[in-house]
């Protein structure tokens, strides 16, 4: 997979989301528009070769392809790659629950790496789900699995939810 040539990106390509659209539409509608290629995918997705593939209320799935560009000095995929994919699934699961006018950010996350990730594995899938959504705090959990469904990592995240007007660029 080469995400930069993924036909699902459409004309939107890569970039940051227009905050006025996020404020107007809320997270689920925005994520669906990203999935349809109507809004840009984050630049990080191109750098690390992973992409959003499914979106639902409080649930998302990402796929990624670890490569030799993601290796640590000992020849396995760096834990930072796994953490980035996991944080994306964990955070976007929460994002999928935000209402118009709301934003979110990660407060903390924890990832348990239970098996090494290798480029030879090919595509991996990461599913994130919301565990609890309150007024100002949400928690989520995610699992990274290889193509055969074998667990590679699992984790949890806490996100703050706040008025999007508090977000500035």
C-alpha atoms as a PDB file:
ATOM      1  CA  UNK A   1       0.000   0.000   0.000  1.00  0.00           C
ATOM      2  CA  UNK A   2       1.227   3.458  -0.818  1.00  0.00           C
ATOM      3  CA  UNK A   3      -1.206   5.835   0.832  1.00  0.00           C
ATOM      4  CA  UNK A   4      -0.068   8.775  -1.279  1.00  0.00           C
ATOM      5  CA  UNK A   5      -1.603   7.004  -4.285  1.00  0.00           C
ATOM      6  CA  UNK A   6      -4.671   5.651  -2.465  1.00  0.00           C
ATOM      7  CA  UNK A   7      -7.647   6.357  -4.770  1.00  0.00           C
ATOM      8  CA  UNK A   8      -9.912   6.927  -1.754  1.00  0.00           C
ATOM      9  CA  UNK A   9      -8.121  10.182  -0.987  1.00  0.00           C
ATOM     10  CA  UNK A  10      -9.939  11.897  -3.833  1.00  0.00           C
ATOM     11  CA  UNK A  11      -9.129  15.496  -4.603  1.00  0.00           C
ATOM     12  CA  UNK A  12      -8.780  16.385  -0.908  1.00  0.00           C
ATOM     13  CA  UNK A  13      -5.311  14.796  -0.579  1.00  0.00           C
ATOM     14  CA  UNK A  14      -3.484  15.547   2.666  1.00  0.00           C
ATOM     15  CA  UNK A  15      -3.784  18.447   5.054  1.00  0.00           C
ATOM     16  CA  UNK A  16      -5.503  19.672   8.167  1.00  0.00           C
ATOM     17  CA  UNK A  17      -9.243  19.874   8.559  1.00  0.00           C
ATOM     18  CA  UNK A  18     -11.043  23.192   8.138  1.00  0.00           C
ATOM     19  CA  UNK A  19     -12.124  23.992  11.704  1.00  0.00           C
ATOM     20  CA  UNK A  20     -15.289  25.737  10.525  1.00  0.00           C
ATOM     21  CA  UNK A  21     -16.415  22.472   8.894  1.00  0.00           C
ATOM     22  CA  UNK A  22     -15.593  20.456  12.034  1.00  0.00           C
ATOM     23  CA  UNK A  23     -17.476  23.030  14.151  1.00  0.00           C
ATOM     24  CA  UNK A  24     -20.478  22.860  11.842  1.00  0.00           C
ATOM     25  CA  UNK A  25     -20.650  19.104  11.194  1.00  0.00           C
ATOM     26  CA  UNK A  26     -19.256  17.264  14.227  1.00  0.00           C
ATOM     27  CA  UNK A  27     -16.810  14.385  14.243  1.00  0.00           C
ATOM     28  CA  UNK A  28     -18.760  11.522  12.699  1.00  0.00           C
ATOM     29  CA  UNK A  29     -19.791  13.488   9.606  1.00  0.00           C
ATOM     30  CA  UNK A  30     -16.242  14.871   9.214  1.00  0.00           C
ATOM     31  CA  UNK A  31     -14.646  11.411   9.495  1.00  0.00           C
ATOM     32  CA  UNK A  32     -17.095  10.039   6.921  1.00  0.00           C
ATOM     33  CA  UNK A  33     -16.147  12.904   4.584  1.00  0.00           C
ATOM     34  CA  UNK A  34     -12.461  12.097   5.139  1.00  0.00           C
ATOM     35  CA  UNK A  35     -13.147   8.452   4.336  1.00  0.00           C
ATOM     36  CA  UNK A  36     -14.961   9.498   1.142  1.00  0.00           C
ATOM     37  CA  UNK A  37     -11.994  11.681   0.107  1.00  0.00           C
ATOM     38  CA  UNK A  38     -14.021  14.895   0.440  1.00  0.00           C
ATOM     39  CA  UNK A  39     -11.824  16.198   3.271  1.00  0.00           C
ATOM     40  CA  UNK A  40      -8.051  15.773   3.557  1.00  0.00           C
ATOM     41  CA  UNK A  41      -6.297  12.941   5.354  1.00  0.00           C
ATOM     42  CA  UNK A  42      -3.705  14.054   7.913  1.00  0.00           C
ATOM     43  CA  UNK A  43      -0.146  14.417   6.548  1.00  0.00           C
ATOM     44  CA  UNK A  44       1.062  11.968   9.221  1.00  0.00           C
ATOM     45  CA  UNK A  45      -0.872   9.216   7.430  1.00  0.00           C
ATOM     46  CA  UNK A  46       1.293   9.649   4.329  1.00  0.00           C
ATOM     47  CA  UNK A  47       4.509   9.703   6.338  1.00  0.00           C
ATOM     48  CA  UNK A  48       3.675   6.539   8.271  1.00  0.00           C
ATOM     49  CA  UNK A  49       1.631   4.756   5.561  1.00  0.00           C
ATOM     50  CA  UNK A  50      -1.675   4.185   7.323  1.00  0.00           C
ATOM     51  CA  UNK A  51      -5.233   5.244   6.554  1.00  0.00           C
ATOM     52  CA  UNK A  52      -8.770   5.290   7.890  1.00  0.00           C
ATOM     53  CA  UNK A  53     -10.903   2.493   6.402  1.00  0.00           C
ATOM     54  CA  UNK A  54     -14.113   2.350   8.489  1.00  0.00           C
ATOM     55  CA  UNK A  55     -16.086   4.863  10.535  1.00  0.00           C
ATOM     56  CA  UNK A  56     -19.090   4.430  12.812  1.00  0.00           C
ATOM     57  CA  UNK A  57     -20.491   6.064  15.918  1.00  0.00           C
ATOM     58  CA  UNK A  58     -17.660   5.680  18.429  1.00  0.00           C
ATOM     59  CA  UNK A  59     -15.790   3.142  16.272  1.00  0.00           C
ATOM     60  CA  UNK A  60     -13.077   3.410  13.614  1.00  0.00           C
ATOM     61  CA  UNK A  61     -10.695   1.094  11.792  1.00  0.00           C
ATOM     62  CA  UNK A  62      -7.319   2.023  10.334  1.00  0.00           C
ATOM     63  CA  UNK A  63      -5.103  -0.085   8.109  1.00  0.00           C
ATOM     64  CA  UNK A  64      -1.401   0.366   7.783  1.00  0.00           C
ATOM     65  CA  UNK A  65       1.609  -1.209   6.188  1.00  0.00           C
ATOM     66  CA  UNK A  66       4.784  -1.236   8.270  1.00  0.00           C
ATOM     67  CA  UNK A  67       7.863  -0.931   6.099  1.00  0.00           C
ATOM     68  CA  UNK A  68      11.636  -0.860   6.318  1.00  0.00           C
ATOM     69  CA  UNK A  69      11.305   2.921   6.744  1.00  0.00           C
ATOM     70  CA  UNK A  70       9.734   2.262  10.158  1.00  0.00           C
ATOM     71  CA  UNK A  71      12.464  -0.015  11.540  1.00  0.00           C
ATOM     72  CA  UNK A  72      14.301   0.507  14.809  1.00  0.00           C
ATOM     73  CA  UNK A  73      18.043  -0.293  15.099  1.00  0.00           C
ATOM     74  CA  UNK A  74      17.349  -3.976  15.849  1.00  0.00           C
ATOM     75  CA  UNK A  75      15.249  -4.511  12.719  1.00  0.00           C
ATOM     76  CA  UNK A  76      11.692  -4.557  14.045  1.00  0.00           C
ATOM     77  CA  UNK A  77       9.137  -1.826  13.477  1.00  0.00           C
ATOM     78  CA  UNK A  78       9.658   0.995  15.962  1.00  0.00           C
ATOM     79  CA  UNK A  79       7.099   1.141  18.763  1.00  0.00           C
ATOM     80  CA  UNK A  80       6.455   4.756  17.816  1.00  0.00           C
ATOM     81  CA  UNK A  81       4.889   3.610  14.539  1.00  0.00           C
ATOM     82  CA  UNK A  82       2.570   1.280  16.421  1.00  0.00           C
ATOM     83  CA  UNK A  83       1.785   4.011  18.960  1.00  0.00           C
ATOM     84  CA  UNK A  84       0.941   6.503  16.191  1.00  0.00           C
ATOM     85  CA  UNK A  85      -1.495   4.094  14.527  1.00  0.00           C
ATOM     86  CA  UNK A  86      -3.003   3.216  17.906  1.00  0.00           C
ATOM     87  CA  UNK A  87      -3.328   6.889  18.973  1.00  0.00           C
ATOM     88  CA  UNK A  88      -5.062   7.641  15.671  1.00  0.00           C
ATOM     89  CA  UNK A  89      -7.630   4.866  16.179  1.00  0.00           C
ATOM     90  CA  UNK A  90      -8.097   5.664  19.864  1.00  0.00           C
ATOM     91  CA  UNK A  91      -8.529   9.389  19.245  1.00  0.00           C
ATOM     92  CA  UNK A  92     -10.663   9.116  16.124  1.00  0.00           C
ATOM     93  CA  UNK A  93     -13.058   6.749  17.910  1.00  0.00           C
ATOM     94  CA  UNK A  94     -13.643   9.623  20.346  1.00  0.00           C
ATOM     95  CA  UNK A  95     -13.718  12.168  17.492  1.00  0.00           C
ATOM     96  CA  UNK A  96     -16.562  10.123  15.953  1.00  0.00           C
ATOM     97  CA  UNK A  97     -18.685  10.993  19.019  1.00  0.00           C
ATOM     98  CA  UNK A  98     -18.094  14.751  19.041  1.00  0.00           C
ATOM     99  CA  UNK A  99     -21.032  16.997  18.322  1.00  0.00           C
ATOM    100  CA  UNK A 100     -21.015  20.163  16.224  1.00  0.00           C
ATOM    101  CA  UNK A 101     -19.039  22.774  18.130  1.00  0.00           C
ATOM    102  CA  UNK A 102     -16.900  20.219  19.989  1.00  0.00           C
ATOM    103  CA  UNK A 103     -13.228  19.312  19.650  1.00  0.00           C
ATOM    104  CA  UNK A 104     -11.092  16.701  21.385  1.00  0.00           C
ATOM    105  CA  UNK A 105      -7.485  16.049  22.303  1.00  0.00           C
ATOM    106  CA  UNK A 106      -5.576  13.181  23.828  1.00  0.00           C
ATOM    107  CA  UNK A 107      -4.823  13.586  27.529  1.00  0.00           C
ATOM    108  CA  UNK A 108      -2.967  10.298  27.926  1.00  0.00           C
ATOM    109  CA  UNK A 109      -2.637   6.926  26.263  1.00  0.00           C
ATOM    110  CA  UNK A 110      -1.072   3.586  26.991  1.00  0.00           C
ATOM    111  CA  UNK A 111      -0.033   0.967  24.475  1.00  0.00           C
ATOM    112  CA  UNK A 112       0.938  -2.608  25.256  1.00  0.00           C
ATOM    113  CA  UNK A 113       3.177  -4.079  22.545  1.00  0.00           C
ATOM    114  CA  UNK A 114       2.596  -7.830  22.799  1.00  0.00           C
ATOM    115  CA  UNK A 115       4.380  -9.031  19.629  1.00  0.00           C
ATOM    116  CA  UNK A 116       7.004  -7.507  17.370  1.00  0.00           C
ATOM    117  CA  UNK A 117       5.801  -5.884  14.166  1.00  0.00           C
ATOM    118  CA  UNK A 118       7.774  -6.651  10.984  1.00  0.00           C
ATOM    119  CA  UNK A 119       7.495  -5.244   7.466  1.00  0.00           C
ATOM    120  CA  UNK A 120       7.030  -8.799   6.140  1.00  0.00           C
ATOM    121  CA  UNK A 121       3.669  -8.950   7.946  1.00  0.00           C
ATOM    122  CA  UNK A 122       2.083  -6.769   5.304  1.00  0.00           C
ATOM    123  CA  UNK A 123      -1.094  -4.919   6.143  1.00  0.00           C
ATOM    124  CA  UNK A 124      -2.196  -4.592   9.779  1.00  0.00           C
ATOM    125  CA  UNK A 125      -5.560  -3.412  11.112  1.00  0.00           C
ATOM    126  CA  UNK A 126      -6.257  -1.254  14.139  1.00  0.00           C
ATOM    127  CA  UNK A 127      -9.782  -0.982  15.530  1.00  0.00           C
ATOM    128  CA  UNK A 128     -10.657   1.688  18.076  1.00  0.00           C
ATOM    129  CA  UNK A 129     -13.854   1.895  20.140  1.00  0.00           C
ATOM    130  CA  UNK A 130     -15.187   4.324  22.703  1.00  0.00           C
ATOM    131  CA  UNK A 131     -15.595   2.798  26.147  1.00  0.00           C
ATOM    132  CA  UNK A 132     -17.142   5.841  27.842  1.00  0.00           C
ATOM    133  CA  UNK A 133     -18.221   9.255  26.571  1.00  0.00           C
ATOM    134  CA  UNK A 134     -18.971  11.909  29.146  1.00  0.00           C
ATOM    135  CA  UNK A 135     -19.479  15.648  28.798  1.00  0.00           C
ATOM    136  CA  UNK A 136     -15.768  16.569  29.018  1.00  0.00           C
ATOM    137  CA  UNK A 137     -13.875  13.244  29.135  1.00  0.00           C
ATOM    138  CA  UNK A 138     -14.000  10.138  26.937  1.00  0.00           C
ATOM    139  CA  UNK A 139     -12.078   6.878  27.088  1.00  0.00           C
ATOM    140  CA  UNK A 140     -11.371   4.456  24.279  1.00  0.00           C
ATOM    141  CA  UNK A 141      -9.617   1.159  23.612  1.00  0.00           C
ATOM    142  CA  UNK A 142      -7.958  -0.257  20.503  1.00  0.00           C
ATOM    143  CA  UNK A 143      -6.374  -3.427  19.150  1.00  0.00           C
ATOM    144  CA  UNK A 144      -3.734  -3.774  16.436  1.00  0.00           C
ATOM    145  CA  UNK A 145      -3.831  -7.120  14.608  1.00  0.00           C
ATOM    146  CA  UNK A 146      -1.968  -8.699  11.726  1.00  0.00           C
ATOM    147  CA  UNK A 147      -3.701  -9.978   8.595  1.00  0.00           C
ATOM    148  CA  UNK A 148      -4.459 -13.292  10.329  1.00  0.00           C
ATOM    149  CA  UNK A 149      -6.091 -11.587  13.302  1.00  0.00           C
ATOM    150  CA  UNK A 150      -3.157 -12.163  15.671  1.00  0.00           C
ATOM    151  CA  UNK A 151      -2.943  -9.486  18.369  1.00  0.00           C
ATOM    152  CA  UNK A 152       0.144  -7.271  18.063  1.00  0.00           C
ATOM    153  CA  UNK A 153      -0.757  -4.465  20.480  1.00  0.00           C
ATOM    154  CA  UNK A 154      -3.644  -3.137  22.533  1.00  0.00           C
ATOM    155  CA  UNK A 155      -4.164   0.110  24.345  1.00  0.00           C
ATOM    156  CA  UNK A 156      -6.372   2.676  26.001  1.00  0.00           C
ATOM    157  CA  UNK A 157      -6.725   6.434  25.797  1.00  0.00           C
ATOM    158  CA  UNK A 158      -8.345   9.314  27.634  1.00  0.00           C
ATOM    159  CA  UNK A 159      -9.413  12.378  25.674  1.00  0.00           C
ATOM    160  CA  UNK A 160     -10.640  15.786  26.750  1.00  0.00           C
ATOM    161  CA  UNK A 161     -13.699  17.162  24.983  1.00  0.00           C
ATOM    162  CA  UNK A 162     -14.043  20.935  24.819  1.00  0.00           C
ATOM    163  CA  UNK A 163     -15.573  23.759  22.755  1.00  0.00           C
ATOM    164  CA  UNK A 164     -13.866  23.961  19.375  1.00  0.00           C
ATOM    165  CA  UNK A 165     -13.668  27.740  19.868  1.00  0.00           C
ATOM    166  CA  UNK A 166     -10.891  26.998  22.418  1.00  0.00           C
ATOM    167  CA  UNK A 167      -8.771  25.474  19.639  1.00  0.00           C
ATOM    168  CA  UNK A 168      -6.512  27.923  17.889  1.00  0.00           C
ATOM    169  CA  UNK A 169      -3.993  27.538  15.076  1.00  0.00           C
END
